[in-house]
Amino acid sequence: MNKLIAIVSASGVGKTTLTHALARAHPFQTAYEQHSERPFQKLFKQDARYALANQMDYLLFRAEQERELRASSQTALVDGGLDLDFHGFTRLFHARGLLTDPEYDLCRRFYSWTRNLLPLPDLIIHLTASREIIKARLAQRDRINIASAEDTELFNSFLEEWLETISPHQILHLDVSNETPEYSQSIPIVLERLQG
């Protein structure tokens, strides 16, 4: 089974940018969030009734990505991933009242069952950045965002709660507040960790 690396963070920190930068520096097999391609994302942005459909679609999509990435001949790199979609976004939307208790429980059951069938990523790269950086990056985005800069603190609390259950040797924490657009500071750190 192939190695899988997941890059996790709140929206706007730089998961996608780092994934692209790493893919330019090393021959990784990659997978992305695909906001515009997901069938319920835009509908959910306009109408909260699509929250459950959106989350179930993402959880299934992420599980499918993991299965395909694990079958690749190259080390795989995923922008976000199954765990982030549940522990970050699903929990956030439930906390905001966008998912009812039974809807959240359905997502939780699906995530737990799926994670029992698929191993955790071999390495989780956890990105953080200052609140000002996140707000500025989200404002510049040309994509559908359900989570906002105001959600970052709560989102991070859910994400950190999950990360506390993971062995520290499986996590690489990177503060990318002062990172260059090419991620020139972070790429050598990640590649060195993979070689070690």
N, C-alpha and C. Protein backbone atom coordinates (compact mmCIF):
# COMPACT_ATOMS: atom_id res chain seq x y z
N MET A 1 0.85 -1.19 0.00
CA MET A 1 0.00 0.00 0.00
C MET A 1 0.89 1.24 0.00
N ASN A 2 0.54 2.20 -0.83
CA ASN A 2 1.33 3.40 -1.00
C ASN A 2 1.22 4.36 0.17
N LYS A 3 2.25 5.18 0.39
CA LYS A 3 2.22 6.19 1.45
C LYS A 3 1.29 7.33 1.06
N LEU A 4 0.57 7.85 2.06
CA LEU A 4 -0.36 8.97 1.85
C LEU A 4 -0.04 10.08 2.83
N ILE A 5 0.07 11.30 2.31
CA ILE A 5 0.30 12.50 3.11
C ILE A 5 -0.92 13.39 2.96
N ALA A 6 -1.46 13.86 4.08
CA ALA A 6 -2.61 14.78 4.04
C ALA A 6 -2.17 16.13 4.58
N ILE A 7 -2.54 17.18 3.86
CA ILE A 7 -2.27 18.55 4.31
C ILE A 7 -3.58 19.11 4.86
N VAL A 8 -3.58 19.46 6.13
CA VAL A 8 -4.81 19.91 6.79
C VAL A 8 -4.64 21.30 7.39
N SER A 9 -5.74 22.05 7.37
CA SER A 9 -5.77 23.38 7.98
C SER A 9 -7.16 23.95 7.82
N ALA A 10 -7.39 25.08 8.44
CA ALA A 10 -8.62 25.83 8.20
C ALA A 10 -8.58 26.41 6.79
N SER A 11 -9.72 26.83 6.29
CA SER A 11 -9.80 27.45 4.96
C SER A 11 -8.94 28.70 4.92
N GLY A 12 -8.21 28.86 3.82
CA GLY A 12 -7.44 30.08 3.60
C GLY A 12 -6.01 30.03 4.10
N VAL A 13 -5.60 28.96 4.77
CA VAL A 13 -4.24 28.90 5.30
C VAL A 13 -3.23 28.59 4.20
N GLY A 14 -3.60 27.72 3.25
CA GLY A 14 -2.68 27.45 2.15
C GLY A 14 -2.49 26.00 1.79
N LYS A 15 -3.47 25.15 2.09
CA LYS A 15 -3.36 23.71 1.75
C LYS A 15 -3.13 23.49 0.26
N THR A 16 -3.97 24.11 -0.56
CA THR A 16 -3.89 23.90 -2.00
C THR A 16 -2.59 24.45 -2.57
N THR A 17 -2.18 25.62 -2.10
CA THR A 17 -0.95 26.23 -2.59
C THR A 17 0.26 25.37 -2.25
N LEU A 18 0.30 24.85 -1.02
CA LEU A 18 1.42 23.98 -0.65
C LEU A 18 1.38 22.67 -1.43
N THR A 19 0.21 22.13 -1.64
CA THR A 19 0.09 20.89 -2.42
C THR A 19 0.65 21.09 -3.83
N HIS A 20 0.26 22.18 -4.48
CA HIS A 20 0.79 22.48 -5.82
C HIS A 20 2.30 22.66 -5.79
N ALA A 21 2.80 23.39 -4.79
CA ALA A 21 4.24 23.65 -4.70
C ALA A 21 5.02 22.36 -4.48
N LEU A 22 4.53 21.50 -3.61
CA LEU A 22 5.20 20.22 -3.38
C LEU A 22 5.17 19.34 -4.63
N ALA A 23 4.06 19.37 -5.36
CA ALA A 23 3.96 18.56 -6.58
C ALA A 23 4.93 19.04 -7.66
N ARG A 24 5.27 20.34 -7.64
CA ARG A 24 6.27 20.85 -8.58
C ARG A 24 7.69 20.44 -8.17
N ALA A 25 7.88 20.24 -6.87
CA ALA A 25 9.22 19.94 -6.35
C ALA A 25 9.54 18.44 -6.30
N HIS A 26 8.50 17.60 -6.34
CA HIS A 26 8.69 16.16 -6.17
C HIS A 26 7.57 15.43 -6.91
N PRO A 27 7.83 14.24 -7.44
CA PRO A 27 6.78 13.54 -8.21
C PRO A 27 5.73 12.85 -7.32
N PHE A 28 4.89 13.64 -6.70
CA PHE A 28 3.78 13.11 -5.90
C PHE A 28 2.57 12.83 -6.78
N GLN A 29 1.78 11.85 -6.39
CA GLN A 29 0.43 11.68 -6.93
C GLN A 29 -0.46 12.58 -6.08
N THR A 30 -1.27 13.43 -6.69
CA THR A 30 -2.02 14.43 -5.92
C THR A 30 -3.54 14.30 -6.09
N ALA A 31 -4.24 14.84 -5.08
CA ALA A 31 -5.70 14.93 -5.14
C ALA A 31 -6.11 16.22 -4.44
N TYR A 32 -7.13 16.88 -5.00
CA TYR A 32 -7.54 18.20 -4.51
C TYR A 32 -9.01 18.22 -4.09
N GLU A 33 -9.40 19.33 -3.44
CA GLU A 33 -10.76 19.48 -2.92
C GLU A 33 -11.83 19.55 -4.01
N GLN A 34 -11.52 20.20 -5.11
CA GLN A 34 -12.44 20.31 -6.26
C GLN A 34 -13.77 20.97 -5.90
N HIS A 35 -13.69 22.17 -5.34
CA HIS A 35 -14.90 22.88 -4.92
C HIS A 35 -15.92 23.05 -6.04
N SER A 36 -15.49 23.56 -7.18
CA SER A 36 -16.45 23.86 -8.25
C SER A 36 -17.01 22.60 -8.90
N GLU A 37 -16.29 21.48 -8.80
CA GLU A 37 -16.74 20.24 -9.42
C GLU A 37 -17.73 19.46 -8.57
N ARG A 38 -17.78 19.74 -7.28
CA ARG A 38 -18.67 18.99 -6.40
C ARG A 38 -20.11 19.43 -6.64
N PRO A 39 -21.05 18.49 -6.78
CA PRO A 39 -22.41 18.83 -7.22
C PRO A 39 -23.26 19.62 -6.22
N PHE A 40 -22.92 19.57 -4.93
CA PHE A 40 -23.78 20.24 -3.94
C PHE A 40 -23.14 21.47 -3.30
N GLN A 41 -21.88 21.75 -3.62
CA GLN A 41 -21.18 22.85 -2.96
C GLN A 41 -21.85 24.20 -3.22
N LYS A 42 -22.11 24.50 -4.48
CA LYS A 42 -22.75 25.77 -4.81
C LYS A 42 -24.17 25.83 -4.26
N LEU A 43 -24.89 24.71 -4.33
CA LEU A 43 -26.25 24.66 -3.80
C LEU A 43 -26.25 24.90 -2.29
N PHE A 44 -25.28 24.32 -1.59
CA PHE A 44 -25.17 24.51 -0.14
C PHE A 44 -24.86 25.96 0.20
N LYS A 45 -24.02 26.59 -0.59
CA LYS A 45 -23.69 28.00 -0.35
C LYS A 45 -24.96 28.86 -0.42
N GLN A 46 -25.90 28.47 -1.29
CA GLN A 46 -27.13 29.24 -1.49
C GLN A 46 -28.26 28.80 -0.57
N ASP A 47 -28.23 27.55 -0.12
CA ASP A 47 -29.36 26.99 0.63
C ASP A 47 -28.85 25.92 1.60
N ALA A 48 -29.03 26.17 2.91
CA ALA A 48 -28.52 25.26 3.94
C ALA A 48 -29.16 23.88 3.89
N ARG A 49 -30.27 23.75 3.18
CA ARG A 49 -30.90 22.43 3.07
C ARG A 49 -30.00 21.41 2.38
N TYR A 50 -28.98 21.89 1.67
CA TYR A 50 -28.07 20.99 0.96
C TYR A 50 -26.84 20.62 1.80
N ALA A 51 -26.83 21.01 3.06
CA ALA A 51 -25.66 20.73 3.91
C ALA A 51 -25.36 19.24 4.00
N LEU A 52 -26.38 18.43 4.29
CA LEU A 52 -26.15 16.99 4.44
C LEU A 52 -25.68 16.38 3.13
N ALA A 53 -26.35 16.70 2.03
CA ALA A 53 -25.95 16.14 0.73
C ALA A 53 -24.51 16.54 0.42
N ASN A 54 -24.15 17.79 0.71
CA ASN A 54 -22.80 18.25 0.44
C ASN A 54 -21.77 17.49 1.27
N GLN A 55 -22.04 17.34 2.56
CA GLN A 55 -21.07 16.66 3.41
C GLN A 55 -20.94 15.19 3.08
N MET A 56 -22.05 14.52 2.81
CA MET A 56 -21.97 13.10 2.45
C MET A 56 -21.23 12.92 1.12
N ASP A 57 -21.47 13.84 0.18
CA ASP A 57 -20.75 13.78 -1.09
C ASP A 57 -19.26 13.95 -0.87
N TYR A 58 -18.87 14.91 -0.04
CA TYR A 58 -17.45 15.14 0.22
C TYR A 58 -16.81 13.95 0.93
N LEU A 59 -17.48 13.40 1.94
CA LEU A 59 -16.91 12.27 2.67
C LEU A 59 -16.70 11.07 1.74
N LEU A 60 -17.68 10.79 0.90
CA LEU A 60 -17.55 9.70 -0.05
C LEU A 60 -16.46 9.99 -1.08
N PHE A 61 -16.44 11.21 -1.59
CA PHE A 61 -15.43 11.63 -2.57
C PHE A 61 -14.02 11.49 -1.99
N ARG A 62 -13.85 11.91 -0.74
CA ARG A 62 -12.53 11.84 -0.11
C ARG A 62 -12.10 10.39 0.12
N ALA A 63 -13.06 9.54 0.49
CA ALA A 63 -12.74 8.12 0.66
C ALA A 63 -12.32 7.51 -0.68
N GLU A 64 -13.02 7.86 -1.75
CA GLU A 64 -12.66 7.38 -3.08
C GLU A 64 -11.27 7.85 -3.48
N GLN A 65 -10.96 9.13 -3.18
CA GLN A 65 -9.63 9.66 -3.47
C GLN A 65 -8.55 8.86 -2.74
N GLU A 66 -8.77 8.62 -1.46
CA GLU A 66 -7.78 7.89 -0.67
C GLU A 66 -7.53 6.50 -1.25
N ARG A 67 -8.59 5.80 -1.60
CA ARG A 67 -8.44 4.46 -2.16
C ARG A 67 -7.60 4.50 -3.43
N GLU A 68 -7.88 5.47 -4.31
CA GLU A 68 -7.12 5.59 -5.56
C GLU A 68 -5.67 5.98 -5.30
N LEU A 69 -5.45 6.92 -4.36
CA LEU A 69 -4.10 7.37 -4.07
C LEU A 69 -3.26 6.24 -3.47
N ARG A 70 -3.86 5.44 -2.62
CA ARG A 70 -3.13 4.32 -2.00
C ARG A 70 -2.71 3.29 -3.05
N ALA A 71 -3.42 3.22 -4.16
CA ALA A 71 -3.09 2.26 -5.22
C ALA A 71 -2.04 2.79 -6.20
N SER A 72 -1.67 4.07 -6.05
CA SER A 72 -0.70 4.68 -6.96
C SER A 72 0.70 4.13 -6.71
N SER A 73 1.56 4.29 -7.70
CA SER A 73 2.96 3.85 -7.55
C SER A 73 3.82 4.93 -6.91
N GLN A 74 3.28 6.14 -6.76
CA GLN A 74 4.03 7.25 -6.17
C GLN A 74 3.48 7.60 -4.79
N THR A 75 4.32 8.23 -3.97
CA THR A 75 3.84 8.77 -2.71
C THR A 75 2.71 9.74 -3.01
N ALA A 76 1.63 9.66 -2.26
CA ALA A 76 0.44 10.45 -2.56
C ALA A 76 0.29 11.62 -1.60
N LEU A 77 -0.29 12.68 -2.13
CA LEU A 77 -0.45 13.93 -1.40
C LEU A 77 -1.88 14.41 -1.61
N VAL A 78 -2.62 14.60 -0.51
CA VAL A 78 -4.00 15.04 -0.62
C VAL A 78 -4.18 16.40 0.05
N ASP A 79 -4.85 17.27 -0.65
CA ASP A 79 -5.19 18.62 -0.19
C ASP A 79 -6.44 18.51 0.68
N GLY A 80 -6.26 18.51 2.01
CA GLY A 80 -7.39 18.31 2.91
C GLY A 80 -7.56 16.83 3.19
N GLY A 81 -8.69 16.29 2.82
CA GLY A 81 -8.88 14.85 2.96
C GLY A 81 -10.07 14.47 3.81
N LEU A 82 -10.25 13.18 3.95
CA LEU A 82 -11.40 12.61 4.66
C LEU A 82 -11.48 13.10 6.10
N ASP A 83 -10.37 13.08 6.81
CA ASP A 83 -10.38 13.46 8.22
C ASP A 83 -10.70 14.95 8.39
N LEU A 84 -10.11 15.77 7.55
CA LEU A 84 -10.39 17.21 7.63
C LEU A 84 -11.85 17.50 7.31
N ASP A 85 -12.39 16.80 6.31
CA ASP A 85 -13.77 17.06 5.94
C ASP A 85 -14.74 16.71 7.07
N PHE A 86 -14.40 15.64 7.83
CA PHE A 86 -15.28 15.32 8.95
C PHE A 86 -14.96 16.17 10.18
N HIS A 87 -13.73 16.07 10.67
CA HIS A 87 -13.39 16.72 11.95
C HIS A 87 -13.38 18.24 11.86
N GLY A 88 -13.15 18.78 10.67
CA GLY A 88 -13.20 20.22 10.51
C GLY A 88 -14.55 20.72 10.03
N PHE A 89 -14.86 20.41 8.77
CA PHE A 89 -16.05 20.99 8.15
C PHE A 89 -17.37 20.42 8.67
N THR A 90 -17.48 19.10 8.78
CA THR A 90 -18.75 18.52 9.25
C THR A 90 -19.06 18.99 10.67
N ARG A 91 -18.05 18.96 11.52
CA ARG A 91 -18.27 19.41 12.91
C ARG A 91 -18.58 20.90 12.97
N LEU A 92 -17.93 21.69 12.12
CA LEU A 92 -18.22 23.12 12.08
C LEU A 92 -19.65 23.38 11.66
N PHE A 93 -20.10 22.72 10.60
CA PHE A 93 -21.46 22.95 10.10
C PHE A 93 -22.51 22.48 11.11
N HIS A 94 -22.20 21.43 11.85
CA HIS A 94 -23.11 20.99 12.90
C HIS A 94 -23.17 22.04 14.01
N ALA A 95 -22.01 22.56 14.40
CA ALA A 95 -21.96 23.58 15.45
C ALA A 95 -22.69 24.85 15.04
N ARG A 96 -22.67 25.16 13.76
CA ARG A 96 -23.36 26.36 13.25
C ARG A 96 -24.85 26.12 13.00
N GLY A 97 -25.33 24.91 13.23
CA GLY A 97 -26.74 24.61 13.04
C GLY A 97 -27.12 24.31 11.60
N LEU A 98 -26.12 24.10 10.75
CA LEU A 98 -26.39 23.79 9.35
C LEU A 98 -26.65 22.30 9.14
N LEU A 99 -26.23 21.48 10.10
CA LEU A 99 -26.54 20.06 10.12
C LEU A 99 -27.27 19.76 11.43
N THR A 100 -28.38 19.05 11.35
CA THR A 100 -29.10 18.65 12.56
C THR A 100 -28.31 17.55 13.28
N ASP A 101 -28.71 17.24 14.50
CA ASP A 101 -28.04 16.16 15.24
C ASP A 101 -28.10 14.83 14.48
N PRO A 102 -29.28 14.41 13.98
CA PRO A 102 -29.32 13.15 13.23
C PRO A 102 -28.48 13.19 11.94
N GLU A 103 -28.45 14.34 11.27
CA GLU A 103 -27.64 14.46 10.05
C GLU A 103 -26.15 14.35 10.39
N TYR A 104 -25.76 15.02 11.46
CA TYR A 104 -24.37 14.94 11.89
C TYR A 104 -24.01 13.49 12.26
N ASP A 105 -24.92 12.82 12.96
CA ASP A 105 -24.65 11.44 13.36
C ASP A 105 -24.50 10.53 12.14
N LEU A 106 -25.28 10.77 11.09
CA LEU A 106 -25.14 10.00 9.86
C LEU A 106 -23.74 10.20 9.27
N CYS A 107 -23.29 11.45 9.22
CA CYS A 107 -21.94 11.73 8.72
C CYS A 107 -20.89 11.07 9.59
N ARG A 108 -21.07 11.14 10.92
CA ARG A 108 -20.12 10.54 11.85
C ARG A 108 -20.03 9.03 11.65
N ARG A 109 -21.19 8.38 11.49
CA ARG A 109 -21.21 6.93 11.28
C ARG A 109 -20.50 6.56 9.98
N PHE A 110 -20.77 7.33 8.92
CA PHE A 110 -20.13 7.04 7.64
C PHE A 110 -18.62 7.24 7.75
N TYR A 111 -18.20 8.33 8.36
CA TYR A 111 -16.77 8.61 8.51
C TYR A 111 -16.10 7.50 9.32
N SER A 112 -16.68 7.13 10.46
CA SER A 112 -16.07 6.11 11.33
C SER A 112 -15.95 4.77 10.62
N TRP A 113 -17.01 4.38 9.93
CA TRP A 113 -17.00 3.12 9.20
C TRP A 113 -15.93 3.14 8.11
N THR A 114 -15.87 4.25 7.38
CA THR A 114 -14.90 4.38 6.28
C THR A 114 -13.48 4.42 6.79
N ARG A 115 -13.23 5.17 7.87
CA ARG A 115 -11.87 5.27 8.41
C ARG A 115 -11.41 3.91 8.96
N ASN A 116 -12.33 3.09 9.42
CA ASN A 116 -11.95 1.75 9.87
C ASN A 116 -11.51 0.87 8.69
N LEU A 117 -11.99 1.18 7.49
CA LEU A 117 -11.62 0.41 6.31
C LEU A 117 -10.35 0.94 5.65
N LEU A 118 -10.08 2.23 5.85
CA LEU A 118 -8.91 2.87 5.23
C LEU A 118 -7.95 3.33 6.32
N PRO A 119 -6.66 3.04 6.20
CA PRO A 119 -5.71 3.49 7.23
C PRO A 119 -5.56 5.01 7.23
N LEU A 120 -5.20 5.54 8.38
CA LEU A 120 -4.92 6.97 8.49
C LEU A 120 -3.77 7.34 7.55
N PRO A 121 -3.70 8.61 7.14
CA PRO A 121 -2.52 9.03 6.37
C PRO A 121 -1.24 8.73 7.15
N ASP A 122 -0.17 8.46 6.43
CA ASP A 122 1.12 8.16 7.06
C ASP A 122 1.74 9.41 7.68
N LEU A 123 1.44 10.56 7.08
CA LEU A 123 1.91 11.84 7.61
C LEU A 123 0.81 12.87 7.43
N ILE A 124 0.58 13.65 8.48
CA ILE A 124 -0.40 14.74 8.43
C ILE A 124 0.38 16.04 8.59
N ILE A 125 0.33 16.88 7.56
CA ILE A 125 0.99 18.19 7.62
C ILE A 125 -0.07 19.19 8.06
N HIS A 126 0.11 19.72 9.25
CA HIS A 126 -0.87 20.65 9.84
C HIS A 126 -0.36 22.08 9.67
N LEU A 127 -1.07 22.84 8.85
CA LEU A 127 -0.69 24.23 8.58
C LEU A 127 -1.46 25.19 9.48
N THR A 128 -0.77 26.21 9.95
CA THR A 128 -1.42 27.30 10.68
C THR A 128 -0.91 28.62 10.10
N ALA A 129 -1.70 29.67 10.32
CA ALA A 129 -1.32 31.02 9.91
C ALA A 129 -2.07 32.00 10.80
N SER A 130 -1.62 33.23 10.80
CA SER A 130 -2.26 34.25 11.62
C SER A 130 -3.66 34.54 11.11
N ARG A 131 -4.51 35.04 11.98
CA ARG A 131 -5.89 35.38 11.61
C ARG A 131 -5.91 36.41 10.48
N GLU A 132 -5.01 37.38 10.50
CA GLU A 132 -4.96 38.42 9.47
C GLU A 132 -4.63 37.82 8.10
N ILE A 133 -3.67 36.88 8.09
CA ILE A 133 -3.29 36.22 6.84
C ILE A 133 -4.46 35.42 6.28
N ILE A 134 -5.14 34.68 7.13
CA ILE A 134 -6.28 33.87 6.69
C ILE A 134 -7.37 34.75 6.12
N LYS A 135 -7.69 35.83 6.82
CA LYS A 135 -8.74 36.74 6.35
C LYS A 135 -8.39 37.32 4.99
N ALA A 136 -7.14 37.74 4.81
CA ALA A 136 -6.71 38.32 3.54
C ALA A 136 -6.75 37.29 2.41
N ARG A 137 -6.33 36.07 2.69
CA ARG A 137 -6.32 35.03 1.66
C ARG A 137 -7.73 34.63 1.26
N LEU A 138 -8.63 34.53 2.23
CA LEU A 138 -10.01 34.19 1.89
C LEU A 138 -10.66 35.28 1.06
N ALA A 139 -10.34 36.54 1.35
CA ALA A 139 -10.91 37.66 0.60
C ALA A 139 -10.45 37.66 -0.85
N GLN A 140 -9.27 37.12 -1.12
CA GLN A 140 -8.72 37.10 -2.47
C GLN A 140 -9.18 35.90 -3.29
N ARG A 141 -9.81 34.95 -2.65
CA ARG A 141 -10.17 33.70 -3.33
C ARG A 141 -11.28 33.88 -4.34
N ASP A 142 -11.16 33.10 -5.43
CA ASP A 142 -12.21 33.04 -6.44
C ASP A 142 -12.76 31.62 -6.46
N ARG A 143 -13.34 31.21 -5.31
CA ARG A 143 -13.91 29.87 -5.21
C ARG A 143 -15.04 29.91 -4.19
N ILE A 144 -15.82 28.86 -4.17
CA ILE A 144 -16.95 28.77 -3.25
C ILE A 144 -16.43 28.44 -1.86
N ASN A 145 -16.68 29.33 -0.90
CA ASN A 145 -16.29 29.09 0.49
C ASN A 145 -17.52 29.05 1.35
N ILE A 146 -17.71 27.96 2.08
CA ILE A 146 -18.79 27.89 3.06
C ILE A 146 -18.27 28.40 4.40
N ALA A 147 -17.08 27.93 4.79
CA ALA A 147 -16.46 28.41 6.03
C ALA A 147 -15.86 29.79 5.79
N SER A 148 -15.97 30.66 6.79
CA SER A 148 -15.48 32.03 6.69
C SER A 148 -14.31 32.25 7.65
N ALA A 149 -13.69 33.41 7.55
CA ALA A 149 -12.60 33.75 8.46
C ALA A 149 -13.07 33.74 9.91
N GLU A 150 -14.33 34.10 10.14
CA GLU A 150 -14.88 34.11 11.49
C GLU A 150 -15.01 32.70 12.07
N ASP A 151 -15.01 31.69 11.22
CA ASP A 151 -15.13 30.30 11.66
C ASP A 151 -13.79 29.69 12.06
N THR A 152 -12.69 30.38 11.78
CA THR A 152 -11.36 29.78 11.92
C THR A 152 -11.08 29.27 13.33
N GLU A 153 -11.39 30.06 14.33
CA GLU A 153 -11.07 29.65 15.71
C GLU A 153 -11.81 28.37 16.09
N LEU A 154 -13.10 28.31 15.80
CA LEU A 154 -13.88 27.11 16.12
C LEU A 154 -13.41 25.93 15.28
N PHE A 155 -13.19 26.15 14.00
CA PHE A 155 -12.69 25.10 13.11
C PHE A 155 -11.39 24.53 13.67
N ASN A 156 -10.47 25.42 14.04
CA ASN A 156 -9.18 24.98 14.56
C ASN A 156 -9.32 24.18 15.85
N SER A 157 -10.29 24.55 16.68
CA SER A 157 -10.49 23.80 17.92
C SER A 157 -10.91 22.36 17.62
N PHE A 158 -11.77 22.18 16.62
CA PHE A 158 -12.17 20.83 16.23
C PHE A 158 -10.99 20.06 15.63
N LEU A 159 -10.24 20.73 14.77
CA LEU A 159 -9.09 20.11 14.12
C LEU A 159 -8.03 19.70 15.15
N GLU A 160 -7.74 20.58 16.08
CA GLU A 160 -6.73 20.29 17.10
C GLU A 160 -7.19 19.16 18.04
N GLU A 161 -8.49 19.11 18.31
CA GLU A 161 -9.02 18.02 19.14
C GLU A 161 -8.77 16.67 18.46
N TRP A 162 -8.97 16.62 17.14
CA TRP A 162 -8.69 15.39 16.40
C TRP A 162 -7.19 15.09 16.38
N LEU A 163 -6.37 16.10 16.13
CA LEU A 163 -4.92 15.89 16.04
C LEU A 163 -4.34 15.37 17.35
N GLU A 164 -4.95 15.72 18.46
CA GLU A 164 -4.49 15.23 19.76
C GLU A 164 -4.65 13.72 19.89
N THR A 165 -5.50 13.11 19.05
CA THR A 165 -5.69 11.66 19.09
C THR A 165 -4.70 10.92 18.20
N ILE A 166 -3.90 11.65 17.44
CA ILE A 166 -2.94 11.08 16.50
C ILE A 166 -1.55 11.07 17.12
N SER A 167 -0.78 10.05 16.84
CA SER A 167 0.59 9.97 17.34
C SER A 167 1.39 11.19 16.85
N PRO A 168 2.12 11.87 17.74
CA PRO A 168 2.88 13.06 17.32
C PRO A 168 3.87 12.80 16.19
N HIS A 169 4.41 11.58 16.10
CA HIS A 169 5.38 11.31 15.02
C HIS A 169 4.72 11.23 13.64
N GLN A 170 3.36 11.24 13.59
CA GLN A 170 2.65 11.24 12.32
C GLN A 170 2.25 12.65 11.87
N ILE A 171 2.61 13.65 12.66
CA ILE A 171 2.18 15.03 12.38
C ILE A 171 3.39 15.94 12.21
N LEU A 172 3.31 16.79 11.20
CA LEU A 172 4.30 17.84 10.99
C LEU A 172 3.56 19.17 11.06
N HIS A 173 3.86 19.98 12.07
CA HIS A 173 3.20 21.28 12.24
C HIS A 173 4.04 22.36 11.55
N LEU A 174 3.39 23.17 10.71
CA LEU A 174 4.08 24.25 10.01
C LEU A 174 3.27 25.54 10.13
N ASP A 175 3.89 26.59 10.65
CA ASP A 175 3.26 27.91 10.64
C ASP A 175 3.69 28.59 9.34
N VAL A 176 2.72 28.86 8.46
CA VAL A 176 3.03 29.41 7.14
C VAL A 176 2.64 30.89 7.02
N SER A 177 2.54 31.57 8.16
CA SER A 177 2.17 33.00 8.15
C SER A 177 3.14 33.84 7.34
N ASN A 178 4.43 33.52 7.40
CA ASN A 178 5.45 34.31 6.71
C ASN A 178 6.06 33.57 5.53
N GLU A 179 5.31 32.61 5.00
CA GLU A 179 5.80 31.80 3.89
C GLU A 179 5.79 32.60 2.59
N THR A 180 6.71 32.25 1.68
CA THR A 180 6.75 32.87 0.36
C THR A 180 5.64 32.26 -0.51
N PRO A 181 5.26 32.91 -1.61
CA PRO A 181 4.24 32.34 -2.50
C PRO A 181 4.62 30.97 -3.05
N GLU A 182 5.92 30.69 -3.14
CA GLU A 182 6.40 29.40 -3.67
C GLU A 182 6.58 28.36 -2.55
N TYR A 183 6.31 28.76 -1.31
CA TYR A 183 6.49 27.89 -0.14
C TYR A 183 7.93 27.39 -0.04
N SER A 184 8.87 28.29 -0.30
CA SER A 184 10.28 27.91 -0.32
C SER A 184 10.81 27.53 1.06
N GLN A 185 10.18 27.99 2.12
CA GLN A 185 10.61 27.61 3.47
C GLN A 185 10.08 26.23 3.85
N SER A 186 8.85 25.94 3.48
CA SER A 186 8.19 24.70 3.92
C SER A 186 8.59 23.47 3.10
N ILE A 187 8.81 23.64 1.81
CA ILE A 187 9.10 22.47 0.96
C ILE A 187 10.32 21.69 1.44
N PRO A 188 11.46 22.33 1.74
CA PRO A 188 12.60 21.53 2.22
C PRO A 188 12.30 20.79 3.53
N ILE A 189 11.52 21.40 4.40
CA ILE A 189 11.16 20.77 5.68
C ILE A 189 10.35 19.51 5.42
N VAL A 190 9.36 19.61 4.52
CA VAL A 190 8.50 18.46 4.21
C VAL A 190 9.32 17.35 3.56
N LEU A 191 10.13 17.70 2.55
CA LEU A 191 10.91 16.69 1.83
C LEU A 191 11.93 16.01 2.75
N GLU A 192 12.52 16.78 3.65
CA GLU A 192 13.47 16.19 4.62
C GLU A 192 12.75 15.22 5.55
N ARG A 193 11.54 15.58 5.97
CA ARG A 193 10.77 14.71 6.86
C ARG A 193 10.44 13.38 6.15
N LEU A 194 10.14 13.46 4.86
CA LEU A 194 9.81 12.25 4.11
C LEU A 194 11.01 11.34 3.91
N GLN A 195 12.20 11.93 3.85
CA GLN A 195 13.41 11.13 3.66
C GLN A 195 13.88 10.52 4.98
N GLY A 196 13.49 11.13 6.10
CA GLY A 196 13.96 10.68 7.41
C GLY A 196 13.33 9.42 7.91
